[in-house]
Protein backbone atom coordinates (compact mmCIF):
# COMPACT_ATOMS: atom_id res chain seq x y z
CA MET A 1 -26.73 -20.04 5.96
CA ALA A 2 -27.90 -17.27 3.61
CA ASN A 3 -24.64 -15.42 4.17
CA THR A 4 -22.67 -18.48 3.05
CA SER A 5 -24.69 -18.82 -0.16
CA GLY A 6 -24.36 -15.05 -0.72
CA SER A 7 -20.63 -15.35 -0.24
CA ALA A 8 -20.48 -18.27 -2.70
CA ALA A 9 -22.48 -16.30 -5.26
CA ALA A 10 -20.17 -13.31 -4.77
CA ALA A 11 -17.11 -15.53 -5.21
CA SER A 12 -18.51 -17.00 -8.42
CA LEU A 13 -19.33 -13.57 -9.82
CA LEU A 14 -15.87 -12.23 -8.89
CA LYS A 15 -14.14 -15.17 -10.58
CA ARG A 16 -16.00 -14.41 -13.81
CA GLN A 17 -15.30 -10.67 -13.56
CA LEU A 18 -11.60 -11.19 -12.86
CA LYS A 19 -11.24 -13.61 -15.76
CA GLN A 20 -13.00 -11.16 -18.07
CA MET A 21 -10.74 -8.29 -17.01
CA GLN A 22 -7.62 -10.42 -17.45
CA THR A 23 -8.60 -11.49 -20.97
CA ASP A 24 -10.15 -8.22 -22.22
CA LYS A 25 -7.46 -6.40 -24.18
CA ASP A 26 -9.62 -3.29 -24.61
CA ILE A 27 -9.11 -2.03 -21.05
CA PRO A 28 -6.15 0.34 -21.21
CA GLY A 29 -4.09 1.04 -18.11
CA ILE A 30 -5.50 -1.65 -15.82
CA SER A 31 -3.95 -4.91 -14.70
CA CYS A 32 -5.63 -7.21 -12.14
CA GLY A 33 -4.76 -10.34 -10.20
CA LEU A 34 -5.31 -11.86 -6.80
CA VAL A 35 -3.36 -10.79 -3.72
CA ARG A 36 -3.40 -14.48 -2.68
CA ASP A 37 -4.47 -17.34 -4.94
CA ASP A 38 -6.89 -18.67 -2.31
CA ASN A 39 -8.86 -15.42 -1.83
CA ILE A 40 -11.04 -14.17 -4.70
CA PHE A 41 -12.25 -11.32 -2.47
CA GLU A 42 -8.96 -9.41 -2.54
CA TRP A 43 -7.51 -8.24 -5.82
CA GLU A 44 -4.24 -6.51 -6.53
CA VAL A 45 -4.58 -3.92 -9.24
CA MET A 46 -2.09 -1.81 -11.12
CA LEU A 47 -3.31 1.45 -12.60
CA MET A 48 -1.01 2.74 -15.32
CA ILE A 49 -1.83 6.37 -15.92
CA SER A 50 -1.50 7.67 -19.47
CA ASP A 51 1.67 9.65 -20.18
CA ASP A 52 -0.39 12.63 -21.29
CA SER A 53 -2.27 12.94 -17.97
CA LYS A 54 -1.79 16.48 -16.65
CA TYR A 55 -0.77 15.59 -13.08
CA TYR A 56 -0.07 11.86 -12.78
CA GLY A 57 1.12 11.03 -16.31
CA GLY A 58 3.26 7.91 -16.54
CA GLY A 59 2.54 6.81 -12.97
CA ASN A 60 1.96 3.17 -12.05
CA PHE A 61 -0.09 2.95 -8.87
CA ARG A 62 -0.72 -0.31 -7.00
CA ALA A 63 -3.89 -0.85 -5.00
CA HIS A 64 -5.90 -3.58 -3.33
CA LEU A 65 -9.57 -3.89 -4.20
CA THR A 66 -11.32 -5.74 -1.37
CA PHE A 67 -14.82 -7.09 -1.88
CA PRO A 68 -17.28 -7.87 0.92
CA PRO A 69 -19.10 -11.23 1.01
CA THR A 70 -22.27 -9.26 0.21
CA TYR A 71 -20.88 -8.08 -3.16
CA PRO A 72 -22.46 -6.94 -5.50
CA LEU A 73 -25.09 -5.55 -3.11
CA MET A 74 -22.40 -3.67 -1.17
CA PRO A 75 -19.32 -1.95 -2.59
CA PRO A 76 -15.69 -2.99 -2.34
CA THR A 77 -12.99 -0.76 -0.87
CA LEU A 78 -9.93 0.35 -2.78
CA ARG A 79 -6.72 1.10 -0.89
CA PHE A 80 -3.55 2.26 -2.58
CA GLN A 81 -0.32 0.59 -1.56
CA ASP A 82 2.98 2.37 -0.95
CA PRO A 83 3.82 4.78 -2.33
CA ILE A 84 0.40 6.31 -1.73
CA PRO A 85 -0.46 8.95 -4.34
CA PHE A 86 -0.81 12.58 -3.22
CA HIS A 87 -4.37 13.12 -4.42
CA PRO A 88 -7.41 15.06 -3.16
CA ASN A 89 -9.53 11.88 -3.15
CA ILE A 90 -7.10 9.54 -1.40
CA TYR A 91 -6.78 9.46 2.39
CA GLU A 92 -3.31 9.33 3.95
CA ASN A 93 -3.84 5.62 4.70
CA GLY A 94 -4.33 5.01 0.95
CA GLU A 95 -8.09 4.49 0.99
CA LEU A 96 -9.90 5.96 -1.99
CA CYS A 97 -12.88 8.25 -1.47
CA ILE A 98 -15.15 8.15 -4.51
CA SER A 99 -18.95 8.29 -4.58
CA ILE A 100 -19.46 5.02 -6.43
CA LEU A 101 -17.75 3.14 -3.57
CA HIS A 102 -20.00 4.65 -0.89
CA PRO A 103 -22.75 2.32 0.40
CA PRO A 104 -26.16 2.57 -1.31
CA GLU A 105 -27.86 4.56 1.41
CA GLU A 106 -28.82 8.15 2.03
CA ASP A 107 -25.82 10.44 2.43
CA LYS A 108 -26.06 11.74 5.99
CA TYR A 109 -24.20 14.89 4.92
CA GLY A 110 -26.44 15.54 1.93
CA TYR A 111 -23.50 15.86 -0.47
CA GLU A 112 -24.23 12.90 -2.74
CA SER A 113 -27.47 11.78 -4.31
CA ALA A 114 -28.36 8.09 -4.14
CA SER A 115 -27.69 7.80 -7.90
CA GLU A 116 -24.02 8.74 -7.37
CA ARG A 117 -23.43 6.05 -4.76
CA TRP A 118 -22.84 2.30 -5.09
CA SER A 119 -25.17 0.29 -7.26
CA PRO A 120 -24.92 -3.43 -8.08
CA VAL A 121 -24.62 -2.50 -11.77
CA GLN A 122 -21.07 -1.31 -11.03
CA THR A 123 -18.31 -3.79 -11.81
CA PRO A 124 -14.60 -3.90 -11.01
CA GLU A 125 -14.01 -2.58 -14.52
CA THR A 126 -16.29 0.44 -14.10
CA ILE A 127 -14.77 1.14 -10.68
CA LEU A 128 -11.20 1.09 -11.99
CA LEU A 129 -12.05 3.15 -15.05
CA SER A 130 -13.61 5.72 -12.69
CA VAL A 131 -10.42 5.74 -10.61
CA ILE A 132 -8.29 6.35 -13.71
CA SER A 133 -10.67 9.18 -14.61
CA LEU A 134 -10.16 10.61 -11.13
CA PHE A 135 -6.41 10.70 -11.79
CA GLU A 136 -7.16 12.64 -14.97
CA ASP A 137 -9.50 15.08 -13.23
CA PRO A 138 -9.16 15.14 -9.40
CA ASN A 139 -12.23 16.22 -7.42
CA ASP A 140 -11.39 18.94 -4.89
CA GLU A 141 -15.01 19.54 -3.82
CA SER A 142 -15.26 16.71 -1.28
CA PRO A 143 -11.65 15.97 -0.39
CA ALA A 144 -10.17 13.08 1.54
CA ASN A 145 -6.80 14.86 1.52
CA LEU A 146 -7.39 18.51 2.44
CA GLU A 147 -3.83 19.62 1.67
CA ALA A 148 -3.95 18.13 -1.84
CA ALA A 149 -7.34 19.73 -2.50
CA GLN A 150 -6.11 23.14 -1.31
CA LEU A 151 -2.98 22.96 -3.47
CA LEU A 152 -5.04 21.90 -6.49
CA ARG A 153 -7.39 24.86 -5.98
CA GLU A 154 -4.41 27.22 -5.67
CA GLU A 155 -3.00 25.89 -8.93
CA ARG A 156 -6.33 26.38 -10.69
CA GLU A 157 -6.82 29.86 -9.22
CA ASN A 158 -3.38 31.44 -9.35
CA GLY A 159 -1.10 29.12 -11.27
CA SER A 160 0.78 27.77 -8.23
CA LYS A 161 2.83 24.72 -9.23
CA GLU A 162 3.09 23.01 -5.82
CA PHE A 163 0.29 20.52 -6.49
CA ARG A 164 1.83 19.52 -9.82
CA ARG A 165 5.28 19.22 -8.19
CA ARG A 166 3.91 16.89 -5.48
CA CYS A 167 2.09 14.79 -8.09
CA ARG A 168 5.23 14.41 -10.20
CA LYS A 169 7.11 13.27 -7.09
CA CYS A 170 4.43 10.59 -6.56
CA VAL A 171 4.80 9.47 -10.15
CA ARG A 172 8.58 9.12 -9.75
CA GLU A 173 8.09 7.16 -6.52
CA SER A 174 5.54 4.87 -8.24
CA LEU A 175 8.21 4.09 -10.83
CA GLY A 176 10.86 3.46 -8.15
CA GLU A 177 12.82 6.56 -9.12
CA ASP A 178 12.85 8.31 -5.72
């Protein structure tokens, strides 16, 4: 029975958070709604990356943010929809790899401290703002996409333009131009 009440509390919190995000005009580049009207636990989000972003400028990337019934104690998952961005922190299946969406437990690999991982103080807004920030400054230190991370490092080290070329292709695809 506790799981049902937890799920109801999570649903109530998510309804408030979604309404706030939909009415707050001070959140640039983020649009949220439900994937299906009868499921508050799955949101469809659109991330509109600023035109002046170095790699992904002008891109509009769709994703699903899926919350567990134990939210906010456990983190949601974020999975990009087709076309999936070519990004060091996005797996080929579209799932985002970012510390704040990792469960609040000890990192078995010792890469992340507990303070970098999920905490119930995170909200959908802080998550999505962090994702936009990741488009501005990709993290190649703990990659989900090894090829993207390698190409980003090559660009930073020797000026190779392959990473930037692949990113621009993703932006065009996100706009329906390819």
